[in-house]
């Protein structure tokens, strides 16, 4: 019995590994998406002339960013901004904005 308790105690930190990685991924996504706020407003809710990206589906945000990055969609600023993001980062941004706005609008 003592051995089982000791083994369980020794292995318990392994339970935190998955949740830590998930938390880090969520924070990473939030930090990436937060860079959009400077122009598009908090969570993409633009208060001014910049397009409002709130409540757009993730695939629409992702496709727009990829199109800006590869130059197939004309832009003045977004092409230069999108060049700095990898496919994975664009996906994280798109998913984060779609997810956070889904919860805000409910």
PDB file of N, CA and C in Angstrom:
ATOM      1  N   UNK A   1       0.830  -1.199   0.000  1.00  0.00           N
ATOM      2  CA  UNK A   1       0.000   0.000   0.000  1.00  0.00           C
ATOM      3  C   UNK A   1       0.868   1.253   0.000  1.00  0.00           C
ATOM      4  N   UNK A   2       1.908   1.240   0.836  1.00  0.00           N
ATOM      5  CA  UNK A   2       2.794   2.388   0.926  1.00  0.00           C
ATOM      6  C   UNK A   2       3.468   2.659  -0.423  1.00  0.00           C
ATOM      7  N   UNK A   3       3.814   1.591  -1.122  1.00  0.00           N
ATOM      8  CA  UNK A   3       4.457   1.727  -2.425  1.00  0.00           C
ATOM      9  C   UNK A   3       3.515   2.367  -3.436  1.00  0.00           C
ATOM     10  N   UNK A   4       2.246   1.976  -3.411  1.00  0.00           N
ATOM     11  CA  UNK A   4       1.263   2.547  -4.339  1.00  0.00           C
ATOM     12  C   UNK A   4       1.063   4.038  -4.085  1.00  0.00           C
ATOM     13  N   UNK A   5       0.995   4.407  -2.821  1.00  0.00           N
ATOM     14  CA  UNK A   5       0.829   5.820  -2.466  1.00  0.00           C
ATOM     15  C   UNK A   5       2.050   6.608  -2.907  1.00  0.00           C
ATOM     16  N   UNK A   6       3.224   6.054  -2.666  1.00  0.00           N
ATOM     17  CA  UNK A   6       4.463   6.728  -3.055  1.00  0.00           C
ATOM     18  C   UNK A   6       4.537   6.874  -4.580  1.00  0.00           C
ATOM     19  N   UNK A   7       4.171   5.822  -5.303  1.00  0.00           N
ATOM     20  CA  UNK A   7       4.180   5.860  -6.762  1.00  0.00           C
ATOM     21  C   UNK A   7       3.188   6.904  -7.284  1.00  0.00           C
ATOM     22  N   UNK A   8       2.002   6.933  -6.711  1.00  0.00           N
ATOM     23  CA  UNK A   8       0.993   7.918  -7.119  1.00  0.00           C
ATOM     24  C   UNK A   8       1.491   9.332  -6.855  1.00  0.00           C
ATOM     25  N   UNK A   9       2.129   9.538  -5.723  1.00  0.00           N
ATOM     26  CA  UNK A   9       2.658  10.855  -5.376  1.00  0.00           C
ATOM     27  C   UNK A   9       3.753  11.262  -6.364  1.00  0.00           C
ATOM     28  N   UNK A  10       4.618  10.317  -6.728  1.00  0.00           N
ATOM     29  CA  UNK A  10       5.709  10.615  -7.656  1.00  0.00           C
ATOM     30  C   UNK A  10       5.205  10.908  -9.071  1.00  0.00           C
ATOM     31  N   UNK A  11       4.137  10.254  -9.462  1.00  0.00           N
ATOM     32  CA  UNK A  11       3.616  10.425 -10.817  1.00  0.00           C
ATOM     33  C   UNK A  11       2.628  11.583 -10.947  1.00  0.00           C
ATOM     34  N   UNK A  12       2.150  12.122  -9.848  1.00  0.00           N
ATOM     35  CA  UNK A  12       1.133  13.177  -9.902  1.00  0.00           C
ATOM     36  C   UNK A  12       1.558  14.414 -10.693  1.00  0.00           C
ATOM     37  N   UNK A  13       2.831  14.827 -10.683  1.00  0.00           N
ATOM     38  CA  UNK A  13       3.193  15.986 -11.514  1.00  0.00           C
ATOM     39  C   UNK A  13       2.962  15.769 -13.004  1.00  0.00           C
ATOM     40  N   UNK A  14       2.946  14.515 -13.440  1.00  0.00           N
ATOM     41  CA  UNK A  14       2.698  14.234 -14.853  1.00  0.00           C
ATOM     42  C   UNK A  14       1.300  14.665 -15.278  1.00  0.00           C
ATOM     43  N   UNK A  15       0.368  14.698 -14.341  1.00  0.00           N
ATOM     44  CA  UNK A  15      -0.990  15.139 -14.652  1.00  0.00           C
ATOM     45  C   UNK A  15      -1.027  16.608 -15.053  1.00  0.00           C
ATOM     46  N   UNK A  16      -0.078  17.365 -14.550  1.00  0.00           N
ATOM     47  CA  UNK A  16      -0.047  18.802 -14.823  1.00  0.00           C
ATOM     48  C   UNK A  16       0.569  19.140 -16.171  1.00  0.00           C
ATOM     49  N   UNK A  17       1.301  18.212 -16.742  1.00  0.00           N
ATOM     50  CA  UNK A  17       1.986  18.496 -18.000  1.00  0.00           C
ATOM     51  C   UNK A  17       0.993  18.851 -19.097  1.00  0.00           C
ATOM     52  N   UNK A  18      -0.040  18.058 -19.262  1.00  0.00           N
ATOM     53  CA  UNK A  18      -1.038  18.333 -20.294  1.00  0.00           C
ATOM     54  C   UNK A  18      -1.745  19.649 -20.071  1.00  0.00           C
ATOM     55  N   UNK A  19      -2.139  19.930 -18.839  1.00  0.00           N
ATOM     56  CA  UNK A  19      -2.851  21.176 -18.574  1.00  0.00           C
ATOM     57  C   UNK A  19      -1.932  22.373 -18.724  1.00  0.00           C
ATOM     58  N   UNK A  20      -0.659  22.214 -18.404  1.00  0.00           N
ATOM     59  CA  UNK A  20       0.298  23.303 -18.575  1.00  0.00           C
ATOM     60  C   UNK A  20       0.504  23.639 -20.037  1.00  0.00           C
ATOM     61  N   UNK A  21       0.597  22.614 -20.856  1.00  0.00           N
ATOM     62  CA  UNK A  21       0.773  22.833 -22.292  1.00  0.00           C
ATOM     63  C   UNK A  21      -0.457  23.510 -22.878  1.00  0.00           C
ATOM     64  N   UNK A  22      -1.626  23.103 -22.421  1.00  0.00           N
ATOM     65  CA  UNK A  22      -2.867  23.699 -22.906  1.00  0.00           C
ATOM     66  C   UNK A  22      -2.952  25.167 -22.493  1.00  0.00           C
ATOM     67  N   UNK A  23      -2.585  25.455 -21.256  1.00  0.00           N
ATOM     68  CA  UNK A  23      -2.597  26.833 -20.772  1.00  0.00           C
ATOM     69  C   UNK A  23      -1.606  27.676 -21.561  1.00  0.00           C
ATOM     70  N   UNK A  24      -0.414  27.138 -21.789  1.00  0.00           N
ATOM     71  CA  UNK A  24       0.595  27.872 -22.552  1.00  0.00           C
ATOM     72  C   UNK A  24       0.102  28.147 -23.966  1.00  0.00           C
ATOM     73  N   UNK A  25      -0.554  27.181 -24.567  1.00  0.00           N
ATOM     74  CA  UNK A  25      -1.086  27.359 -25.917  1.00  0.00           C
ATOM     75  C   UNK A  25      -2.167  28.435 -25.939  1.00  0.00           C
ATOM     76  N   UNK A  26      -3.036  28.441 -24.932  1.00  0.00           N
ATOM     77  CA  UNK A  26      -4.090  29.457 -24.847  1.00  0.00           C
ATOM     78  C   UNK A  26      -3.498  30.847 -24.672  1.00  0.00           C
ATOM     79  N   UNK A  27      -2.486  30.942 -23.811  1.00  0.00           N
ATOM     80  CA  UNK A  27      -1.841  32.238 -23.595  1.00  0.00           C
ATOM     81  C   UNK A  27      -1.133  32.699 -24.857  1.00  0.00           C
ATOM     82  N   UNK A  28      -0.466  31.779 -25.542  1.00  0.00           N
ATOM     83  CA  UNK A  28       0.219  32.094 -26.785  1.00  0.00           C
ATOM     84  C   UNK A  28      -0.770  32.634 -27.813  1.00  0.00           C
ATOM     85  N   UNK A  29      -1.902  31.990 -27.936  1.00  0.00           N
ATOM     86  CA  UNK A  29      -2.932  32.429 -28.881  1.00  0.00           C
ATOM     87  C   UNK A  29      -3.458  33.810 -28.522  1.00  0.00           C
ATOM     88  N   UNK A  30      -3.684  34.043 -27.239  1.00  0.00           N
ATOM     89  CA  UNK A  30      -4.188  35.341 -26.787  1.00  0.00           C
ATOM     90  C   UNK A  30      -3.176  36.447 -27.058  1.00  0.00           C
ATOM     91  N   UNK A  31      -1.905  36.167 -26.809  1.00  0.00           N
ATOM     92  CA  UNK A  31      -0.861  37.164 -27.052  1.00  0.00           C
ATOM     93  C   UNK A  31      -0.775  37.480 -28.541  1.00  0.00           C
ATOM     94  N   UNK A  32      -0.802  36.445 -29.376  1.00  0.00           N
ATOM     95  CA  UNK A  32      -0.765  36.667 -30.825  1.00  0.00           C
ATOM     96  C   UNK A  32      -1.961  37.499 -31.283  1.00  0.00           C
ATOM     97  N   UNK A  33      -3.147  37.129 -30.841  1.00  0.00           N
ATOM     98  CA  UNK A  33      -4.363  37.832 -31.257  1.00  0.00           C
ATOM     99  C   UNK A  33      -4.425  39.245 -30.694  1.00  0.00           C
ATOM    100  N   UNK A  34      -3.789  39.467 -29.564  1.00  0.00           N
ATOM    101  CA  UNK A  34      -3.803  40.793 -28.955  1.00  0.00           C
ATOM    102  C   UNK A  34      -3.106  41.826 -29.842  1.00  0.00           C
ATOM    103  N   UNK A  35      -2.186  41.387 -30.687  1.00  0.00           N
ATOM    104  CA  UNK A  35      -1.525  42.343 -31.579  1.00  0.00           C
ATOM    105  C   UNK A  35      -2.514  42.956 -32.565  1.00  0.00           C
ATOM    106  N   UNK A  36      -3.601  42.258 -32.837  1.00  0.00           N
ATOM    107  CA  UNK A  36      -4.636  42.769 -33.751  1.00  0.00           C
ATOM    108  C   UNK A  36      -5.398  43.940 -33.123  1.00  0.00           C
ATOM    109  N   UNK A  37      -5.436  43.966 -31.796  1.00  0.00           N
ATOM    110  CA  UNK A  37      -6.241  44.956 -31.078  1.00  0.00           C
ATOM    111  C   UNK A  37      -5.788  46.390 -31.331  1.00  0.00           C
ATOM    112  N   UNK A  38      -4.521  46.587 -31.636  1.00  0.00           N
ATOM    113  CA  UNK A  38      -4.024  47.945 -31.858  1.00  0.00           C
ATOM    114  C   UNK A  38      -4.809  48.652 -32.963  1.00  0.00           C
ATOM    115  N   UNK A  39      -5.187  47.911 -33.985  1.00  0.00           N
ATOM    116  CA  UNK A  39      -5.948  48.504 -35.099  1.00  0.00           C
ATOM    117  C   UNK A  39      -7.414  48.080 -35.112  1.00  0.00           C
ATOM    118  N   UNK A  40      -7.659  46.798 -34.836  1.00  0.00           N
ATOM    119  CA  UNK A  40      -9.008  46.241 -34.973  1.00  0.00           C
ATOM    120  C   UNK A  40      -9.829  46.300 -33.685  1.00  0.00           C
ATOM    121  N   UNK A  41      -9.250  46.817 -32.605  1.00  0.00           N
ATOM    122  CA  UNK A  41      -9.970  46.906 -31.340  1.00  0.00           C
ATOM    123  C   UNK A  41      -9.911  45.611 -30.545  1.00  0.00           C
ATOM    124  N   UNK A  42     -10.309  45.693 -29.292  1.00  0.00           N
ATOM    125  CA  UNK A  42     -10.309  44.532 -28.410  1.00  0.00           C
ATOM    126  C   UNK A  42     -11.178  43.434 -28.996  1.00  0.00           C
ATOM    127  N   UNK A  43     -10.602  42.252 -29.097  1.00  0.00           N
ATOM    128  CA  UNK A  43     -11.278  41.071 -29.649  1.00  0.00           C
ATOM    129  C   UNK A  43     -11.805  41.305 -31.062  1.00  0.00           C
ATOM    130  N   UNK A  44     -11.196  42.267 -31.773  1.00  0.00           N
ATOM    131  CA  UNK A  44     -11.588  42.514 -33.159  1.00  0.00           C
ATOM    132  C   UNK A  44     -12.763  43.448 -33.339  1.00  0.00           C
ATOM    133  N   UNK A  45     -13.254  44.024 -32.236  1.00  0.00           N
ATOM    134  CA  UNK A  45     -14.383  44.963 -32.290  1.00  0.00           C
ATOM    135  C   UNK A  45     -13.851  46.368 -32.560  1.00  0.00           C
ATOM    136  N   UNK A  46     -13.731  46.710 -33.822  1.00  0.00           N
ATOM    137  CA  UNK A  46     -13.136  47.976 -34.221  1.00  0.00           C
ATOM    138  C   UNK A  46     -14.077  49.146 -33.947  1.00  0.00           C
ATOM    139  N   UNK A  47     -13.570  50.158 -33.238  1.00  0.00           N
ATOM    140  CA  UNK A  47     -14.406  51.325 -32.961  1.00  0.00           C
ATOM    141  C   UNK A  47     -14.366  52.359 -34.082  1.00  0.00           C
ATOM    142  N   UNK A  48     -13.474  52.170 -35.050  1.00  0.00           N
ATOM    143  CA  UNK A  48     -13.301  53.206 -36.064  1.00  0.00           C
ATOM    144  C   UNK A  48     -13.409  52.693 -37.481  1.00  0.00           C
ATOM    145  N   UNK A  49     -12.578  53.265 -38.343  1.00  0.00           N
ATOM    146  CA  UNK A  49     -12.635  52.970 -39.775  1.00  0.00           C
ATOM    147  C   UNK A  49     -11.994  51.634 -40.153  1.00  0.00           C
ATOM    148  N   UNK A  50     -11.195  51.080 -39.281  1.00  0.00           N
ATOM    149  CA  UNK A  50     -10.552  49.782 -39.551  1.00  0.00           C
ATOM    150  C   UNK A  50     -11.631  48.699 -39.528  1.00  0.00           C
ATOM    151  N   UNK A  51     -11.561  47.731 -40.435  1.00  0.00           N
ATOM    152  CA  UNK A  51     -12.601  46.685 -40.471  1.00  0.00           C
ATOM    153  C   UNK A  51     -12.774  45.948 -39.143  1.00  0.00           C
ATOM    154  N   UNK A  52     -14.018  45.704 -38.812  1.00  0.00           N
ATOM    155  CA  UNK A  52     -14.379  44.945 -37.619  1.00  0.00           C
ATOM    156  C   UNK A  52     -14.242  43.461 -37.958  1.00  0.00           C
ATOM    157  N   UNK A  53     -13.386  42.746 -37.227  1.00  0.00           N
ATOM    158  CA  UNK A  53     -13.186  41.323 -37.499  1.00  0.00           C
ATOM    159  C   UNK A  53     -13.842  40.438 -36.446  1.00  0.00           C
ATOM    160  N   UNK A  54     -14.549  41.066 -35.517  1.00  0.00           N
ATOM    161  CA  UNK A  54     -15.257  40.299 -34.487  1.00  0.00           C
ATOM    162  C   UNK A  54     -16.374  39.486 -35.133  1.00  0.00           C
ATOM    163  N   UNK A  55     -16.603  38.335 -34.573  1.00  0.00           N
ATOM    164  CA  UNK A  55     -17.678  37.432 -35.001  1.00  0.00           C
ATOM    165  C   UNK A  55     -17.491  36.845 -36.401  1.00  0.00           C
ATOM    166  N   UNK A  56     -16.294  36.995 -36.963  1.00  0.00           N
ATOM    167  CA  UNK A  56     -16.003  36.304 -38.216  1.00  0.00           C
ATOM    168  C   UNK A  56     -15.618  34.866 -37.887  1.00  0.00           C
ATOM    169  N   UNK A  57     -16.006  33.914 -38.712  1.00  0.00           N
ATOM    170  CA  UNK A  57     -15.579  32.532 -38.480  1.00  0.00           C
ATOM    171  C   UNK A  57     -14.061  32.411 -38.626  1.00  0.00           C
ATOM    172  N   UNK A  58     -13.487  31.458 -37.922  1.00  0.00           N
ATOM    173  CA  UNK A  58     -12.035  31.259 -37.936  1.00  0.00           C
ATOM    174  C   UNK A  58     -11.503  31.060 -39.349  1.00  0.00           C
ATOM    175  N   UNK A  59     -12.228  30.298 -40.164  1.00  0.00           N
ATOM    176  CA  UNK A  59     -11.724  30.030 -41.518  1.00  0.00           C
ATOM    177  C   UNK A  59     -11.681  31.300 -42.374  1.00  0.00           C
ATOM    178  N   UNK A  60     -12.563  32.240 -42.133  1.00  0.00           N
ATOM    179  CA  UNK A  60     -12.562  33.508 -42.877  1.00  0.00           C
ATOM    180  C   UNK A  60     -11.355  34.352 -42.467  1.00  0.00           C
ATOM    181  N   UNK A  61     -11.092  34.416 -41.170  1.00  0.00           N
ATOM    182  CA  UNK A  61      -9.926  35.163 -40.670  1.00  0.00           C
ATOM    183  C   UNK A  61      -8.646  34.529 -41.201  1.00  0.00           C
ATOM    184  N   UNK A  62      -8.572  33.207 -41.105  1.00  0.00           N
ATOM    185  CA  UNK A  62      -7.381  32.488 -41.561  1.00  0.00           C
ATOM    186  C   UNK A  62      -7.132  32.725 -43.052  1.00  0.00           C
ATOM    187  N   UNK A  63      -8.157  32.579 -43.863  1.00  0.00           N
ATOM    188  CA  UNK A  63      -7.999  32.756 -45.309  1.00  0.00           C
ATOM    189  C   UNK A  63      -7.597  34.188 -45.652  1.00  0.00           C
ATOM    190  N   UNK A  64      -8.180  35.159 -44.965  1.00  0.00           N
ATOM    191  CA  UNK A  64      -7.818  36.560 -45.212  1.00  0.00           C
ATOM    192  C   UNK A  64      -6.346  36.802 -44.889  1.00  0.00           C
ATOM    193  N   UNK A  65      -5.893  36.286 -43.746  1.00  0.00           N
ATOM    194  CA  UNK A  65      -4.493  36.479 -43.347  1.00  0.00           C
ATOM    195  C   UNK A  65      -3.536  35.823 -44.336  1.00  0.00           C
ATOM    196  N   UNK A  66      -3.858  34.617 -44.765  1.00  0.00           N
ATOM    197  CA  UNK A  66      -3.005  33.917 -45.733  1.00  0.00           C
ATOM    198  C   UNK A  66      -2.990  34.681 -47.058  1.00  0.00           C
ATOM    199  N   UNK A  67      -4.135  35.174 -47.475  1.00  0.00           N
ATOM    200  CA  UNK A  67      -4.223  35.938 -48.730  1.00  0.00           C
ATOM    201  C   UNK A  67      -3.451  37.249 -48.646  1.00  0.00           C
ATOM    202  N   UNK A  68      -3.508  37.910 -47.496  1.00  0.00           N
ATOM    203  CA  UNK A  68      -2.702  39.123 -47.305  1.00  0.00           C
ATOM    204  C   UNK A  68      -1.220  38.770 -47.369  1.00  0.00           C
ATOM    205  N   UNK A  69      -0.855  37.672 -46.701  1.00  0.00           N
ATOM    206  CA  UNK A  69       0.551  37.277 -46.616  1.00  0.00           C
ATOM    207  C   UNK A  69       1.119  36.921 -47.989  1.00  0.00           C
ATOM    208  N   UNK A  70       0.360  36.183 -48.797  1.00  0.00           N
ATOM    209  CA  UNK A  70       0.902  35.760 -50.100  1.00  0.00           C
ATOM    210  C   UNK A  70       0.665  36.793 -51.205  1.00  0.00           C
ATOM    211  N   UNK A  71      -0.003  37.894 -50.871  1.00  0.00           N
ATOM    212  CA  UNK A  71      -0.191  38.983 -51.822  1.00  0.00           C
ATOM    213  C   UNK A  71      -1.376  38.828 -52.756  1.00  0.00           C
ATOM    214  N   UNK A  72      -2.151  37.759 -52.589  1.00  0.00           N
ATOM    215  CA  UNK A  72      -3.304  37.570 -53.478  1.00  0.00           C
ATOM    216  C   UNK A  72      -4.484  38.461 -53.099  1.00  0.00           C
ATOM    217  N   UNK A  73      -4.422  39.062 -51.930  1.00  0.00           N
ATOM    218  CA  UNK A  73      -5.441  40.029 -51.509  1.00  0.00           C
ATOM    219  C   UNK A  73      -4.740  41.368 -51.297  1.00  0.00           C
ATOM    220  N   UNK A  74      -5.205  42.387 -51.983  1.00  0.00           N
ATOM    221  CA  UNK A  74      -4.577  43.704 -51.907  1.00  0.00           C
ATOM    222  C   UNK A  74      -4.741  44.309 -50.516  1.00  0.00           C
ATOM    223  N   UNK A  75      -3.707  45.020 -50.099  1.00  0.00           N
ATOM    224  CA  UNK A  75      -3.767  45.696 -48.796  1.00  0.00           C
ATOM    225  C   UNK A  75      -2.733  46.803 -48.750  1.00  0.00           C
ATOM    226  N   UNK A  76      -2.923  47.698 -47.804  1.00  0.00           N
ATOM    227  CA  UNK A  76      -1.916  48.731 -47.580  1.00  0.00           C
ATOM    228  C   UNK A  76      -1.000  48.339 -46.428  1.00  0.00           C
ATOM    229  N   UNK A  77      -1.564  47.761 -45.387  1.00  0.00           N
ATOM    230  CA  UNK A  77      -0.796  47.429 -44.192  1.00  0.00           C
ATOM    231  C   UNK A  77      -0.793  45.930 -43.893  1.00  0.00           C
ATOM    232  N   UNK A  78      -1.925  45.270 -44.077  1.00  0.00           N
ATOM    233  CA  UNK A  78      -2.072  43.882 -43.633  1.00  0.00           C
ATOM    234  C   UNK A  78      -1.088  42.918 -44.295  1.00  0.00           C
ATOM    235  N   UNK A  79      -0.714  43.153 -45.529  1.00  0.00           N
ATOM    236  CA  UNK A  79       0.262  42.284 -46.187  1.00  0.00           C
ATOM    237  C   UNK A  79       1.584  42.271 -45.455  1.00  0.00           C
ATOM    238  N   UNK A  80       2.014  43.451 -45.018  1.00  0.00           N
ATOM    239  CA  UNK A  80       3.280  43.542 -44.276  1.00  0.00           C
ATOM    240  C   UNK A  80       3.160  42.906 -42.902  1.00  0.00           C
ATOM    241  N   UNK A  81       2.004  43.065 -42.272  1.00  0.00           N
ATOM    242  CA  UNK A  81       1.794  42.471 -40.950  1.00  0.00           C
ATOM    243  C   UNK A  81       1.711  40.952 -41.060  1.00  0.00           C
ATOM    244  N   UNK A  82       0.943  40.465 -42.016  1.00  0.00           N
ATOM    245  CA  UNK A  82       0.724  39.021 -42.161  1.00  0.00           C
ATOM    246  C   UNK A  82       2.006  38.271 -42.511  1.00  0.00           C
ATOM    247  N   UNK A  83       2.952  38.926 -43.167  1.00  0.00           N
ATOM    248  CA  UNK A  83       4.217  38.275 -43.525  1.00  0.00           C
ATOM    249  C   UNK A  83       4.969  37.746 -42.311  1.00  0.00           C
ATOM    250  N   UNK A  84       4.738  38.354 -41.168  1.00  0.00           N
ATOM    251  CA  UNK A  84       5.467  37.971 -39.961  1.00  0.00           C
ATOM    252  C   UNK A  84       4.877  36.761 -39.247  1.00  0.00           C
ATOM    253  N   UNK A  85       3.775  36.215 -39.741  1.00  0.00           N
ATOM    254  CA  UNK A  85       3.116  35.094 -39.067  1.00  0.00           C
ATOM    255  C   UNK A  85       3.238  33.802 -39.861  1.00  0.00           C
ATOM    256  N   UNK A  86       3.500  32.716 -39.137  1.00  0.00           N
ATOM    257  CA  UNK A  86       3.523  31.385 -39.743  1.00  0.00           C
ATOM    258  C   UNK A  86       2.086  30.892 -39.915  1.00  0.00           C
ATOM    259  N   UNK A  87       1.929  29.804 -40.651  1.00  0.00           N
ATOM    260  CA  UNK A  87       0.596  29.205 -40.803  1.00  0.00           C
ATOM    261  C   UNK A  87       0.006  28.846 -39.445  1.00  0.00           C
ATOM    262  N   UNK A  88       0.841  28.284 -38.563  1.00  0.00           N
ATOM    263  CA  UNK A  88       0.377  27.892 -37.231  1.00  0.00           C
ATOM    264  C   UNK A  88      -0.070  29.109 -36.422  1.00  0.00           C
ATOM    265  N   UNK A  89       0.683  30.187 -36.485  1.00  0.00           N
ATOM    266  CA  UNK A  89       0.313  31.395 -35.754  1.00  0.00           C
ATOM    267  C   UNK A  89      -0.973  32.001 -36.301  1.00  0.00           C
ATOM    268  N   UNK A  90      -1.131  32.002 -37.606  1.00  0.00           N
ATOM    269  CA  UNK A  90      -2.367  32.519 -38.214  1.00  0.00           C
ATOM    270  C   UNK A  90      -3.557  31.692 -37.757  1.00  0.00           C
ATOM    271  N   UNK A  91      -3.395  30.384 -37.726  1.00  0.00           N
ATOM    272  CA  UNK A  91      -4.470  29.505 -37.269  1.00  0.00           C
ATOM    273  C   UNK A  91      -4.816  29.782 -35.808  1.00  0.00           C
ATOM    274  N   UNK A  92      -3.800  29.989 -34.972  1.00  0.00           N
ATOM    275  CA  UNK A  92      -4.041  30.293 -33.555  1.00  0.00           C
ATOM    276  C   UNK A  92      -4.802  31.607 -33.399  1.00  0.00           C
ATOM    277  N   UNK A  93      -4.399  32.612 -34.150  1.00  0.00           N
ATOM    278  CA  UNK A  93      -5.078  33.911 -34.093  1.00  0.00           C
ATOM    279  C   UNK A  93      -6.537  33.757 -34.515  1.00  0.00           C
ATOM    280  N   UNK A  94      -6.756  33.104 -35.639  1.00  0.00           N
ATOM    281  CA  UNK A  94      -8.112  32.933 -36.173  1.00  0.00           C
ATOM    282  C   UNK A  94      -8.999  32.169 -35.201  1.00  0.00           C
ATOM    283  N   UNK A  95      -8.482  31.076 -34.676  1.00  0.00           N
ATOM    284  CA  UNK A  95      -9.267  30.272 -33.728  1.00  0.00           C
ATOM    285  C   UNK A  95      -9.552  31.036 -32.443  1.00  0.00           C
ATOM    286  N   UNK A  96      -8.559  31.768 -31.952  1.00  0.00           N
ATOM    287  CA  UNK A  96      -8.750  32.530 -30.717  1.00  0.00           C
ATOM    288  C   UNK A  96      -9.822  33.603 -30.907  1.00  0.00           C
ATOM    289  N   UNK A  97      -9.719  34.384 -31.973  1.00  0.00           N
ATOM    290  CA  UNK A  97     -10.698  35.455 -32.193  1.00  0.00           C
ATOM    291  C   UNK A  97     -12.103  34.898 -32.387  1.00  0.00           C
ATOM    292  N   UNK A  98     -12.220  33.822 -33.133  1.00  0.00           N
ATOM    293  CA  UNK A  98     -13.541  33.216 -33.339  1.00  0.00           C
ATOM    294  C   UNK A  98     -14.100  32.684 -32.028  1.00  0.00           C
ATOM    295  N   UNK A  99     -13.258  32.065 -31.224  1.00  0.00           N
ATOM    296  CA  UNK A  99     -13.693  31.482 -29.948  1.00  0.00           C
ATOM    297  C   UNK A  99     -14.086  32.569 -28.950  1.00  0.00           C
ATOM    298  N   UNK A 100     -13.246  33.576 -28.788  1.00  0.00           N
ATOM    299  CA  UNK A 100     -13.521  34.611 -27.790  1.00  0.00           C
ATOM    300  C   UNK A 100     -14.772  35.395 -28.166  1.00  0.00           C
ATOM    301  N   UNK A 101     -14.971  35.638 -29.440  1.00  0.00           N
ATOM    302  CA  UNK A 101     -16.155  36.388 -29.861  1.00  0.00           C
ATOM    303  C   UNK A 101     -17.419  35.555 -29.816  1.00  0.00           C
ATOM    304  N   UNK A 102     -17.291  34.255 -29.932  1.00  0.00           N
ATOM    305  CA  UNK A 102     -18.450  33.378 -29.786  1.00  0.00           C
ATOM    306  C   UNK A 102     -18.982  33.477 -28.359  1.00  0.00           C
ATOM    307  N   UNK A 103     -18.072  33.527 -27.384  1.00  0.00           N
ATOM    308  CA  UNK A 103     -18.486  33.618 -25.982  1.00  0.00           C
ATOM    309  C   UNK A 103     -18.997  35.009 -25.629  1.00  0.00           C
ATOM    310  N   UNK A 104     -18.428  36.041 -26.246  1.00  0.00           N
ATOM    311  CA  UNK A 104     -18.844  37.413 -25.965  1.00  0.00           C
ATOM    312  C   UNK A 104     -20.253  37.664 -26.478  1.00  0.00           C
ATOM    313  N   UNK A 105     -20.577  37.118 -27.653  1.00  0.00           N
ATOM    314  CA  UNK A 105     -21.874  37.409 -28.260  1.00  0.00           C
ATOM    315  C   UNK A 105     -23.019  36.613 -27.652  1.00  0.00           C
ATOM    316  N   UNK A 106     -22.724  35.637 -26.808  1.00  0.00           N
ATOM    317  CA  UNK A 106     -23.795  34.827 -26.204  1.00  0.00           C
ATOM    318  C   UNK A 106     -24.349  35.471 -24.964  1.00  0.00           C
TER     319      UNK A 106
END
